[in-house]
Amino acid sequence: MNKSLAGIAAAALLAATLGTPARAGFNGDTVSLSYNLLNMSGISFSGASALVGAGAEFSGSATDGFGQIWSFTIDVFDNGVTLGWTESTRAGVPNGGNIASGPDAWSFDLGFAASTVPSMGLTAFSSSGYFSPHTSSLTHLNYPDSQTLHLGFSRLDSTDSYTVTAVPEPETWALLLAGLGLVGGIARRRVRPLHA
């Protein structure tokens, strides 16, 4: 009797897991870009919108107050976004420099046509600029509405890369833990020795 109850519980959990719609992700959605690059001129991006899933969606350039040219890349993938930038080499100084400016002086907004943006967090960061402090300058990661991701930065380091990805929903963790507990319970019952 106990084996049949365990089998029914396992089948019910499997059905609940399969019946729960997975987050569709960003692939195949149209994403639009808007930005605020304080103290920059000559700003040019590859486009204002793109289809997610065909490589880097946006690339661009701008010129800072020192006359240095910055190159940007924004790549949206199924469950996150990678942003990168590089400042051109300043004469005699490898890898350019940086500009310190006010909080949220440099920001990007990514708007999705069909996707609801999940909770996201910074999962990777690298900085290799000559003058860079090698610390994250991400100051804002929020959602002006359910289909928009806002990222703000407090300074422009000469060579930076940021990756933000979706954070699993609490319900996903709860379902996973329930499934593991059920599998563990079934395994424990099977290992018990039989008494004569």
N, C-alpha and C. Protein backbone atom coordinates (compact mmCIF):
# COMPACT_ATOMS: atom_id res chain seq x y z
N MET A 1 0.82 -1.20 0.00
CA MET A 1 0.00 0.00 0.00
C MET A 1 0.87 1.26 0.00
N ASN A 2 1.95 1.24 0.82
CA ASN A 2 2.81 2.41 0.91
C ASN A 2 3.51 2.68 -0.41
N LYS A 3 3.88 1.59 -1.13
CA LYS A 3 4.54 1.77 -2.42
C LYS A 3 3.60 2.42 -3.42
N SER A 4 2.35 2.04 -3.40
CA SER A 4 1.40 2.63 -4.35
C SER A 4 1.16 4.10 -4.03
N LEU A 5 1.11 4.46 -2.72
CA LEU A 5 0.95 5.87 -2.35
C LEU A 5 2.15 6.69 -2.78
N ALA A 6 3.35 6.12 -2.60
CA ALA A 6 4.56 6.82 -3.02
C ALA A 6 4.57 7.00 -4.53
N GLY A 7 4.14 6.01 -5.26
CA GLY A 7 4.06 6.10 -6.72
C GLY A 7 3.08 7.16 -7.17
N ILE A 8 1.92 7.21 -6.50
CA ILE A 8 0.91 8.21 -6.84
C ILE A 8 1.44 9.62 -6.54
N ALA A 9 2.13 9.77 -5.39
CA ALA A 9 2.68 11.08 -5.03
C ALA A 9 3.75 11.51 -6.03
N ALA A 10 4.59 10.56 -6.45
CA ALA A 10 5.63 10.89 -7.43
C ALA A 10 5.00 11.29 -8.76
N ALA A 11 3.95 10.57 -9.17
CA ALA A 11 3.27 10.90 -10.43
C ALA A 11 2.61 12.27 -10.34
N ALA A 12 2.00 12.58 -9.18
CA ALA A 12 1.35 13.89 -9.01
C ALA A 12 2.38 15.02 -9.07
N LEU A 13 3.55 14.81 -8.42
CA LEU A 13 4.60 15.83 -8.44
C LEU A 13 5.13 16.03 -9.85
N LEU A 14 5.32 14.94 -10.58
CA LEU A 14 5.79 15.03 -11.96
C LEU A 14 4.77 15.78 -12.82
N ALA A 15 3.48 15.47 -12.62
CA ALA A 15 2.44 16.15 -13.40
C ALA A 15 2.42 17.64 -13.07
N ALA A 16 2.60 17.98 -11.78
CA ALA A 16 2.62 19.40 -11.38
C ALA A 16 3.81 20.11 -12.00
N THR A 17 4.96 19.43 -12.01
CA THR A 17 6.16 20.03 -12.60
C THR A 17 5.99 20.25 -14.09
N LEU A 18 5.45 19.25 -14.78
CA LEU A 18 5.25 19.37 -16.22
C LEU A 18 4.15 20.36 -16.56
N GLY A 19 3.18 20.49 -15.65
CA GLY A 19 2.07 21.40 -15.90
C GLY A 19 2.42 22.85 -15.61
N THR A 20 3.54 23.09 -14.90
CA THR A 20 3.94 24.45 -14.60
C THR A 20 4.63 25.04 -15.81
N PRO A 21 4.11 26.13 -16.38
CA PRO A 21 4.75 26.67 -17.58
C PRO A 21 6.12 27.23 -17.27
N ALA A 22 7.11 26.83 -18.05
CA ALA A 22 8.46 27.35 -17.87
C ALA A 22 8.51 28.77 -18.41
N ARG A 23 9.39 29.58 -17.84
CA ARG A 23 9.57 30.93 -18.34
C ARG A 23 10.08 30.84 -19.76
N ALA A 24 9.42 31.52 -20.65
CA ALA A 24 9.75 31.39 -22.07
C ALA A 24 11.13 31.93 -22.41
N GLY A 25 11.61 32.90 -21.67
CA GLY A 25 12.91 33.50 -21.98
C GLY A 25 12.77 34.59 -23.02
N PHE A 26 13.90 35.22 -23.35
CA PHE A 26 13.89 36.36 -24.26
C PHE A 26 14.07 35.98 -25.72
N ASN A 27 14.59 34.77 -26.00
CA ASN A 27 14.86 34.39 -27.39
C ASN A 27 13.61 34.54 -28.25
N GLY A 28 13.80 35.16 -29.41
CA GLY A 28 12.70 35.36 -30.34
C GLY A 28 11.88 36.60 -30.09
N ASP A 29 12.08 37.28 -28.96
CA ASP A 29 11.35 38.50 -28.65
C ASP A 29 12.07 39.70 -29.29
N THR A 30 11.35 40.77 -29.49
CA THR A 30 11.95 42.02 -29.97
C THR A 30 12.29 42.88 -28.76
N VAL A 31 13.53 43.35 -28.70
CA VAL A 31 13.98 44.20 -27.60
C VAL A 31 14.35 45.56 -28.15
N SER A 32 13.95 46.60 -27.42
CA SER A 32 14.30 47.97 -27.82
C SER A 32 15.27 48.55 -26.81
N LEU A 33 16.12 49.46 -27.27
CA LEU A 33 17.15 50.07 -26.44
C LEU A 33 16.94 51.56 -26.34
N SER A 34 16.99 52.08 -25.12
CA SER A 34 17.11 53.52 -24.90
C SER A 34 18.22 53.71 -23.89
N TYR A 35 18.85 54.87 -23.88
CA TYR A 35 20.03 55.06 -23.04
C TYR A 35 20.20 56.53 -22.68
N ASN A 36 21.01 56.77 -21.64
CA ASN A 36 21.40 58.11 -21.23
C ASN A 36 22.90 58.05 -20.95
N LEU A 37 23.69 58.63 -21.82
CA LEU A 37 25.14 58.64 -21.68
C LEU A 37 25.57 60.07 -21.39
N LEU A 38 25.65 60.40 -20.09
CA LEU A 38 25.98 61.76 -19.66
C LEU A 38 27.37 62.16 -20.15
N ASN A 39 27.50 63.40 -20.59
CA ASN A 39 28.78 63.97 -21.04
C ASN A 39 29.35 63.26 -22.25
N MET A 40 28.51 62.63 -23.04
CA MET A 40 28.96 61.95 -24.26
C MET A 40 28.42 62.69 -25.48
N SER A 41 29.18 62.64 -26.56
CA SER A 41 28.72 63.22 -27.82
C SER A 41 28.95 62.20 -28.93
N GLY A 42 28.42 62.48 -30.09
CA GLY A 42 28.62 61.59 -31.23
C GLY A 42 28.14 60.18 -30.98
N ILE A 43 27.02 60.05 -30.26
CA ILE A 43 26.51 58.72 -29.90
C ILE A 43 25.86 58.07 -31.11
N SER A 44 26.25 56.85 -31.39
CA SER A 44 25.68 56.12 -32.52
C SER A 44 25.55 54.65 -32.15
N PHE A 45 24.33 54.11 -32.27
CA PHE A 45 24.10 52.69 -32.02
C PHE A 45 23.60 52.02 -33.29
N SER A 46 23.78 50.71 -33.36
CA SER A 46 23.43 49.95 -34.56
C SER A 46 21.94 49.97 -34.86
N GLY A 47 21.12 50.26 -33.88
CA GLY A 47 19.67 50.32 -34.08
C GLY A 47 18.97 50.55 -32.77
N ALA A 48 17.68 50.82 -32.85
CA ALA A 48 16.89 51.07 -31.65
C ALA A 48 16.15 49.81 -31.19
N SER A 49 16.05 48.79 -32.05
CA SER A 49 15.41 47.54 -31.66
C SER A 49 16.04 46.40 -32.45
N ALA A 50 15.91 45.20 -31.88
CA ALA A 50 16.51 44.01 -32.51
C ALA A 50 15.77 42.78 -32.05
N LEU A 51 15.93 41.70 -32.80
CA LEU A 51 15.36 40.41 -32.45
C LEU A 51 16.37 39.66 -31.59
N VAL A 52 15.95 39.15 -30.44
CA VAL A 52 16.86 38.46 -29.52
C VAL A 52 17.20 37.08 -30.05
N GLY A 53 18.49 36.74 -30.01
CA GLY A 53 18.91 35.39 -30.34
C GLY A 53 19.84 35.28 -31.52
N ALA A 54 20.21 36.40 -32.12
CA ALA A 54 21.08 36.33 -33.30
C ALA A 54 22.42 37.00 -33.04
N GLY A 55 23.00 36.79 -31.86
CA GLY A 55 24.27 37.44 -31.51
C GLY A 55 24.00 38.75 -30.80
N ALA A 56 25.02 39.62 -30.74
CA ALA A 56 24.89 40.89 -30.04
C ALA A 56 23.80 41.73 -30.68
N GLU A 57 22.82 42.13 -29.89
CA GLU A 57 21.68 42.89 -30.41
C GLU A 57 22.05 44.34 -30.71
N PHE A 58 22.94 44.92 -29.90
CA PHE A 58 23.27 46.33 -30.07
C PHE A 58 24.77 46.54 -29.98
N SER A 59 25.29 47.38 -30.86
CA SER A 59 26.68 47.84 -30.74
C SER A 59 26.65 49.32 -31.04
N GLY A 60 27.60 50.03 -30.45
CA GLY A 60 27.58 51.47 -30.65
C GLY A 60 28.89 52.11 -30.26
N SER A 61 28.92 53.43 -30.39
CA SER A 61 30.10 54.19 -30.01
C SER A 61 29.68 55.58 -29.57
N ALA A 62 30.54 56.22 -28.80
CA ALA A 62 30.32 57.58 -28.34
C ALA A 62 31.66 58.19 -27.97
N THR A 63 31.71 59.50 -27.86
CA THR A 63 32.95 60.21 -27.55
C THR A 63 32.80 60.91 -26.20
N ASP A 64 33.79 60.74 -25.31
CA ASP A 64 33.71 61.37 -23.99
C ASP A 64 34.34 62.77 -24.01
N GLY A 65 34.34 63.40 -22.84
CA GLY A 65 34.86 64.76 -22.71
C GLY A 65 36.34 64.88 -22.99
N PHE A 66 37.09 63.77 -22.97
CA PHE A 66 38.52 63.79 -23.27
C PHE A 66 38.79 63.50 -24.74
N GLY A 67 37.72 63.30 -25.52
CA GLY A 67 37.89 62.99 -26.93
C GLY A 67 38.15 61.53 -27.21
N GLN A 68 38.01 60.69 -26.19
CA GLN A 68 38.22 59.26 -26.38
C GLN A 68 36.94 58.59 -26.87
N ILE A 69 37.09 57.64 -27.76
CA ILE A 69 35.94 56.94 -28.32
C ILE A 69 35.69 55.66 -27.53
N TRP A 70 34.43 55.46 -27.19
CA TRP A 70 34.00 54.27 -26.45
C TRP A 70 33.23 53.36 -27.40
N SER A 71 33.47 52.08 -27.29
CA SER A 71 32.74 51.08 -28.08
C SER A 71 31.87 50.26 -27.13
N PHE A 72 30.62 50.04 -27.50
CA PHE A 72 29.65 49.33 -26.67
C PHE A 72 29.16 48.06 -27.35
N THR A 73 28.84 47.06 -26.55
CA THR A 73 28.17 45.86 -27.04
C THR A 73 27.13 45.45 -26.00
N ILE A 74 25.91 45.20 -26.45
CA ILE A 74 24.86 44.70 -25.57
C ILE A 74 24.29 43.44 -26.21
N ASP A 75 24.42 42.33 -25.49
CA ASP A 75 23.95 41.04 -25.99
C ASP A 75 22.87 40.51 -25.06
N VAL A 76 21.67 40.34 -25.57
CA VAL A 76 20.57 39.78 -24.79
C VAL A 76 20.49 38.30 -25.14
N PHE A 77 20.52 37.43 -24.14
CA PHE A 77 20.37 36.00 -24.39
C PHE A 77 19.12 35.51 -23.67
N ASP A 78 18.86 34.22 -23.72
CA ASP A 78 17.57 33.70 -23.28
C ASP A 78 17.18 34.12 -21.87
N ASN A 79 18.12 34.13 -20.93
CA ASN A 79 17.75 34.46 -19.55
C ASN A 79 18.61 35.56 -18.94
N GLY A 80 19.19 36.42 -19.79
CA GLY A 80 19.99 37.49 -19.24
C GLY A 80 20.53 38.44 -20.29
N VAL A 81 21.44 39.31 -19.82
CA VAL A 81 22.01 40.36 -20.68
C VAL A 81 23.49 40.52 -20.32
N THR A 82 24.33 40.67 -21.35
CA THR A 82 25.74 41.02 -21.15
C THR A 82 25.97 42.39 -21.77
N LEU A 83 26.56 43.30 -20.99
CA LEU A 83 26.91 44.63 -21.48
C LEU A 83 28.43 44.77 -21.39
N GLY A 84 29.04 45.30 -22.42
CA GLY A 84 30.48 45.50 -22.39
C GLY A 84 30.85 46.79 -23.08
N TRP A 85 31.95 47.38 -22.65
CA TRP A 85 32.44 48.59 -23.30
C TRP A 85 33.95 48.68 -23.16
N THR A 86 34.54 49.39 -24.11
CA THR A 86 35.98 49.59 -24.13
C THR A 86 36.26 51.01 -24.58
N GLU A 87 37.17 51.69 -23.90
CA GLU A 87 37.60 53.02 -24.32
C GLU A 87 38.85 52.86 -25.18
N SER A 88 38.95 53.65 -26.24
CA SER A 88 40.12 53.56 -27.10
C SER A 88 41.37 54.01 -26.34
N THR A 89 42.51 53.62 -26.84
CA THR A 89 43.78 53.90 -26.15
C THR A 89 44.11 55.39 -26.15
N ARG A 90 44.35 55.91 -24.99
CA ARG A 90 44.80 57.30 -24.86
C ARG A 90 46.29 57.32 -25.18
N ALA A 91 46.76 58.35 -25.83
CA ALA A 91 48.17 58.42 -26.26
C ALA A 91 49.11 58.16 -25.09
N GLY A 92 49.96 57.16 -25.22
CA GLY A 92 50.96 56.85 -24.20
C GLY A 92 50.45 56.07 -23.01
N VAL A 93 49.14 55.83 -22.92
CA VAL A 93 48.58 55.12 -21.78
C VAL A 93 47.78 53.93 -22.30
N PRO A 94 48.17 52.71 -21.92
CA PRO A 94 47.42 51.56 -22.43
C PRO A 94 45.99 51.53 -21.89
N ASN A 95 45.08 51.17 -22.75
CA ASN A 95 43.68 50.92 -22.37
C ASN A 95 42.92 52.15 -21.88
N GLY A 96 43.28 53.33 -22.31
CA GLY A 96 42.47 54.51 -22.00
C GLY A 96 42.48 54.89 -20.55
N GLY A 97 41.35 55.33 -20.03
CA GLY A 97 41.24 55.77 -18.64
C GLY A 97 39.82 55.61 -18.18
N ASN A 98 39.35 56.53 -17.36
CA ASN A 98 37.95 56.47 -16.95
C ASN A 98 37.45 57.87 -16.65
N ILE A 99 36.16 57.97 -16.53
CA ILE A 99 35.52 59.23 -16.14
C ILE A 99 34.71 58.93 -14.89
N ALA A 100 34.88 59.75 -13.86
CA ALA A 100 34.02 59.63 -12.68
C ALA A 100 32.90 60.64 -12.84
N SER A 101 31.69 60.23 -12.63
CA SER A 101 30.56 61.14 -12.77
C SER A 101 29.52 60.79 -11.72
N GLY A 102 28.42 61.53 -11.73
CA GLY A 102 27.41 61.34 -10.71
C GLY A 102 26.73 59.99 -10.78
N PRO A 103 26.05 59.58 -9.71
CA PRO A 103 25.35 58.30 -9.68
C PRO A 103 24.37 58.17 -10.84
N ASP A 104 24.29 56.99 -11.38
CA ASP A 104 23.38 56.68 -12.48
C ASP A 104 23.59 57.61 -13.67
N ALA A 105 24.86 57.99 -13.90
CA ALA A 105 25.17 58.92 -14.97
C ALA A 105 25.13 58.25 -16.34
N TRP A 106 25.18 56.94 -16.34
CA TRP A 106 25.23 56.20 -17.58
C TRP A 106 24.22 55.08 -17.45
N SER A 107 23.17 55.08 -18.26
CA SER A 107 22.14 54.08 -18.05
C SER A 107 21.60 53.53 -19.37
N PHE A 108 21.07 52.31 -19.28
CA PHE A 108 20.48 51.62 -20.41
C PHE A 108 19.13 51.07 -19.98
N ASP A 109 18.16 51.18 -20.87
CA ASP A 109 16.85 50.57 -20.66
C ASP A 109 16.58 49.62 -21.82
N LEU A 110 16.24 48.39 -21.48
CA LEU A 110 15.90 47.37 -22.48
C LEU A 110 14.42 47.04 -22.31
N GLY A 111 13.65 47.29 -23.34
CA GLY A 111 12.22 47.03 -23.30
C GLY A 111 11.87 45.84 -24.20
N PHE A 112 11.11 44.90 -23.68
CA PHE A 112 10.76 43.68 -24.41
C PHE A 112 9.31 43.75 -24.88
N ALA A 113 9.09 43.35 -26.12
CA ALA A 113 7.75 43.44 -26.71
C ALA A 113 6.78 42.43 -26.10
N ALA A 114 7.26 41.22 -25.79
CA ALA A 114 6.36 40.17 -25.32
C ALA A 114 6.76 39.56 -23.99
N SER A 115 8.02 39.67 -23.59
CA SER A 115 8.50 39.00 -22.38
C SER A 115 8.28 39.84 -21.13
N THR A 116 7.92 39.16 -20.05
CA THR A 116 7.93 39.78 -18.74
C THR A 116 9.32 39.58 -18.16
N VAL A 117 9.94 40.65 -17.70
CA VAL A 117 11.31 40.57 -17.20
C VAL A 117 11.30 39.95 -15.80
N PRO A 118 12.03 38.85 -15.60
CA PRO A 118 12.08 38.23 -14.28
C PRO A 118 13.03 38.99 -13.37
N SER A 119 13.04 38.65 -12.09
CA SER A 119 14.03 39.21 -11.17
C SER A 119 15.41 38.82 -11.68
N MET A 120 16.33 39.78 -11.70
CA MET A 120 17.66 39.51 -12.22
C MET A 120 18.71 39.97 -11.23
N GLY A 121 19.90 39.41 -11.37
CA GLY A 121 21.01 39.79 -10.51
C GLY A 121 22.32 39.76 -11.28
N LEU A 122 23.31 40.49 -10.79
CA LEU A 122 24.64 40.52 -11.41
C LEU A 122 25.32 39.19 -11.16
N THR A 123 25.67 38.46 -12.22
CA THR A 123 26.28 37.14 -12.06
C THR A 123 27.72 37.08 -12.56
N ALA A 124 28.15 38.08 -13.34
CA ALA A 124 29.54 38.11 -13.80
C ALA A 124 29.96 39.55 -14.04
N PHE A 125 31.20 39.85 -13.69
CA PHE A 125 31.75 41.18 -13.89
C PHE A 125 33.25 41.05 -14.12
N SER A 126 33.78 41.79 -15.06
CA SER A 126 35.23 41.84 -15.24
C SER A 126 35.63 43.25 -15.65
N SER A 127 36.82 43.64 -15.24
CA SER A 127 37.36 44.95 -15.55
C SER A 127 38.86 44.81 -15.73
N SER A 128 39.36 45.28 -16.85
CA SER A 128 40.80 45.17 -17.08
C SER A 128 41.42 46.49 -17.51
N GLY A 129 40.73 47.57 -17.26
CA GLY A 129 41.24 48.89 -17.65
C GLY A 129 42.47 49.29 -16.88
N TYR A 130 43.30 50.10 -17.51
CA TYR A 130 44.56 50.55 -16.90
C TYR A 130 44.32 51.35 -15.63
N PHE A 131 43.35 52.27 -15.66
CA PHE A 131 43.04 53.10 -14.50
C PHE A 131 41.88 52.57 -13.68
N SER A 132 41.28 51.48 -14.11
CA SER A 132 40.07 51.00 -13.45
C SER A 132 40.34 50.50 -12.04
N PRO A 133 39.38 50.74 -11.13
CA PRO A 133 39.51 50.17 -9.78
C PRO A 133 39.13 48.69 -9.74
N HIS A 134 38.68 48.15 -10.85
CA HIS A 134 38.32 46.73 -10.96
C HIS A 134 37.20 46.34 -10.00
N THR A 135 36.28 47.26 -9.79
CA THR A 135 35.09 46.96 -8.99
C THR A 135 33.85 47.35 -9.80
N SER A 136 32.75 46.73 -9.52
CA SER A 136 31.52 47.00 -10.25
C SER A 136 31.04 48.43 -10.00
N SER A 137 30.60 49.08 -11.07
CA SER A 137 30.01 50.42 -10.93
C SER A 137 28.51 50.39 -11.16
N LEU A 138 27.92 49.17 -11.17
CA LEU A 138 26.48 49.03 -11.34
C LEU A 138 25.77 49.59 -10.11
N THR A 139 24.95 50.63 -10.31
CA THR A 139 24.25 51.25 -9.18
C THR A 139 22.76 50.97 -9.19
N HIS A 140 22.20 50.70 -10.37
CA HIS A 140 20.76 50.47 -10.48
C HIS A 140 20.50 49.23 -11.34
N LEU A 141 19.68 48.36 -10.82
CA LEU A 141 19.18 47.20 -11.57
C LEU A 141 17.72 47.06 -11.14
N ASN A 142 16.82 47.65 -11.94
CA ASN A 142 15.42 47.63 -11.53
C ASN A 142 14.52 47.56 -12.76
N TYR A 143 13.21 47.65 -12.52
CA TYR A 143 12.21 47.38 -13.54
C TYR A 143 11.18 48.51 -13.53
N PRO A 144 11.33 49.49 -14.44
CA PRO A 144 10.34 50.56 -14.50
C PRO A 144 8.92 50.03 -14.74
N ASP A 145 8.81 48.93 -15.46
CA ASP A 145 7.54 48.21 -15.61
C ASP A 145 7.88 46.74 -15.85
N SER A 146 6.87 45.90 -16.02
CA SER A 146 7.11 44.45 -16.09
C SER A 146 7.87 44.00 -17.33
N GLN A 147 7.99 44.87 -18.34
CA GLN A 147 8.67 44.48 -19.57
C GLN A 147 9.93 45.30 -19.86
N THR A 148 10.43 46.01 -18.84
CA THR A 148 11.60 46.87 -19.02
C THR A 148 12.64 46.59 -17.94
N LEU A 149 13.89 46.49 -18.38
CA LEU A 149 15.02 46.32 -17.48
C LEU A 149 15.85 47.59 -17.54
N HIS A 150 16.12 48.20 -16.37
CA HIS A 150 16.92 49.43 -16.28
C HIS A 150 18.25 49.10 -15.59
N LEU A 151 19.36 49.49 -16.21
CA LEU A 151 20.69 49.29 -15.63
C LEU A 151 21.39 50.64 -15.60
N GLY A 152 21.85 51.06 -14.42
CA GLY A 152 22.54 52.34 -14.27
C GLY A 152 23.93 52.15 -13.69
N PHE A 153 24.86 53.01 -14.09
CA PHE A 153 26.27 52.90 -13.69
C PHE A 153 26.76 54.25 -13.20
N SER A 154 27.68 54.23 -12.21
CA SER A 154 28.16 55.47 -11.60
C SER A 154 29.46 55.97 -12.21
N ARG A 155 30.14 55.14 -12.96
CA ARG A 155 31.39 55.59 -13.58
C ARG A 155 31.64 54.75 -14.82
N LEU A 156 32.55 55.23 -15.64
CA LEU A 156 32.86 54.57 -16.89
C LEU A 156 34.29 54.07 -16.83
N ASP A 157 34.49 52.82 -16.51
CA ASP A 157 35.84 52.26 -16.51
C ASP A 157 36.20 51.80 -17.91
N SER A 158 37.47 51.83 -18.22
CA SER A 158 37.88 51.73 -19.61
C SER A 158 37.60 50.40 -20.29
N THR A 159 37.56 49.31 -19.57
CA THR A 159 37.24 48.03 -20.18
C THR A 159 36.44 47.22 -19.17
N ASP A 160 35.13 47.20 -19.32
CA ASP A 160 34.26 46.50 -18.37
C ASP A 160 33.31 45.57 -19.09
N SER A 161 32.89 44.53 -18.39
CA SER A 161 31.88 43.61 -18.90
C SER A 161 30.99 43.20 -17.72
N TYR A 162 29.68 43.29 -17.91
CA TYR A 162 28.70 42.94 -16.89
C TYR A 162 27.73 41.91 -17.46
N THR A 163 27.37 40.91 -16.67
CA THR A 163 26.34 39.96 -17.06
C THR A 163 25.31 39.88 -15.95
N VAL A 164 24.05 40.09 -16.30
CA VAL A 164 22.95 39.92 -15.34
C VAL A 164 22.07 38.79 -15.87
N THR A 165 21.65 37.91 -14.97
CA THR A 165 20.81 36.79 -15.37
C THR A 165 19.62 36.65 -14.43
N ALA A 166 18.64 35.89 -14.88
CA ALA A 166 17.41 35.68 -14.12
C ALA A 166 17.71 34.92 -12.83
N VAL A 167 17.06 35.34 -11.76
CA VAL A 167 17.16 34.66 -10.47
C VAL A 167 15.95 33.75 -10.36
N PRO A 168 16.13 32.46 -10.01
CA PRO A 168 14.97 31.55 -9.92
C PRO A 168 13.91 32.07 -8.97
N GLU A 169 12.65 31.91 -9.35
CA GLU A 169 11.52 32.31 -8.51
C GLU A 169 11.45 31.41 -7.28
N PRO A 170 10.95 31.91 -6.14
CA PRO A 170 10.83 31.08 -4.93
C PRO A 170 10.00 29.82 -5.16
N GLU A 171 8.97 29.91 -6.03
CA GLU A 171 8.13 28.74 -6.29
C GLU A 171 8.95 27.63 -6.97
N THR A 172 9.90 28.04 -7.82
CA THR A 172 10.73 27.05 -8.50
C THR A 172 11.59 26.31 -7.50
N TRP A 173 12.19 27.05 -6.55
CA TRP A 173 13.01 26.41 -5.51
C TRP A 173 12.15 25.49 -4.65
N ALA A 174 10.96 25.93 -4.28
CA ALA A 174 10.08 25.12 -3.43
C ALA A 174 9.70 23.82 -4.14
N LEU A 175 9.38 23.91 -5.42
CA LEU A 175 9.01 22.71 -6.18
C LEU A 175 10.20 21.76 -6.30
N LEU A 176 11.38 22.30 -6.53
CA LEU A 176 12.58 21.47 -6.62
C LEU A 176 12.85 20.77 -5.30
N LEU A 177 12.76 21.49 -4.19
CA LEU A 177 13.00 20.88 -2.88
C LEU A 177 11.96 19.82 -2.55
N ALA A 178 10.71 20.08 -2.92
CA ALA A 178 9.66 19.07 -2.68
C ALA A 178 9.95 17.80 -3.47
N GLY A 179 10.36 17.97 -4.72
CA GLY A 179 10.68 16.81 -5.55
C GLY A 179 11.86 16.03 -5.00
N LEU A 180 12.89 16.74 -4.55
CA LEU A 180 14.06 16.05 -3.96
C LEU A 180 13.68 15.31 -2.69
N GLY A 181 12.82 15.94 -1.88
CA GLY A 181 12.37 15.29 -0.65
C GLY A 181 11.59 14.01 -0.94
N LEU A 182 10.75 14.07 -1.95
CA LEU A 182 9.96 12.89 -2.32
C LEU A 182 10.85 11.77 -2.86
N VAL A 183 11.78 12.13 -3.71
CA VAL A 183 12.71 11.13 -4.25
C VAL A 183 13.54 10.52 -3.12
N GLY A 184 13.99 11.36 -2.19
CA GLY A 184 14.76 10.86 -1.04
C GLY A 184 13.95 9.93 -0.17
N GLY A 185 12.68 10.28 0.04
CA GLY A 185 11.79 9.42 0.84
C GLY A 185 11.57 8.06 0.19
N ILE A 186 11.38 8.07 -1.13
CA ILE A 186 11.19 6.81 -1.85
C ILE A 186 12.47 5.97 -1.79
N ALA A 187 13.61 6.61 -1.98
CA ALA A 187 14.88 5.88 -1.93
C ALA A 187 15.12 5.30 -0.54
N ARG A 188 14.76 6.05 0.49
CA ARG A 188 14.96 5.58 1.86
C ARG A 188 14.09 4.35 2.14
N ARG A 189 12.87 4.34 1.65
CA ARG A 189 11.98 3.20 1.84
C ARG A 189 12.52 1.96 1.14
N ARG A 190 13.14 2.16 -0.01
CA ARG A 190 13.64 1.01 -0.76
C ARG A 190 14.88 0.40 -0.13
N VAL A 191 15.63 1.15 0.65
CA VAL A 191 16.86 0.66 1.22
C VAL A 191 16.63 -0.09 2.54
N ARG A 192 15.50 0.09 3.16
CA ARG A 192 15.25 -0.58 4.44
C ARG A 192 15.29 -2.08 4.28
N PRO A 193 16.00 -2.76 5.17
CA PRO A 193 16.05 -4.22 5.10
C PRO A 193 14.72 -4.85 5.48
N LEU A 194 14.40 -5.97 4.87
CA LEU A 194 13.17 -6.69 5.18
C LEU A 194 13.41 -7.59 6.38
N HIS A 195 12.44 -7.64 7.29
CA HIS A 195 12.56 -8.50 8.46
C HIS A 195 11.77 -9.79 8.20
N ALA A 196 12.37 -10.90 8.60
CA ALA A 196 11.72 -12.20 8.39
C ALA A 196 10.68 -12.49 9.44
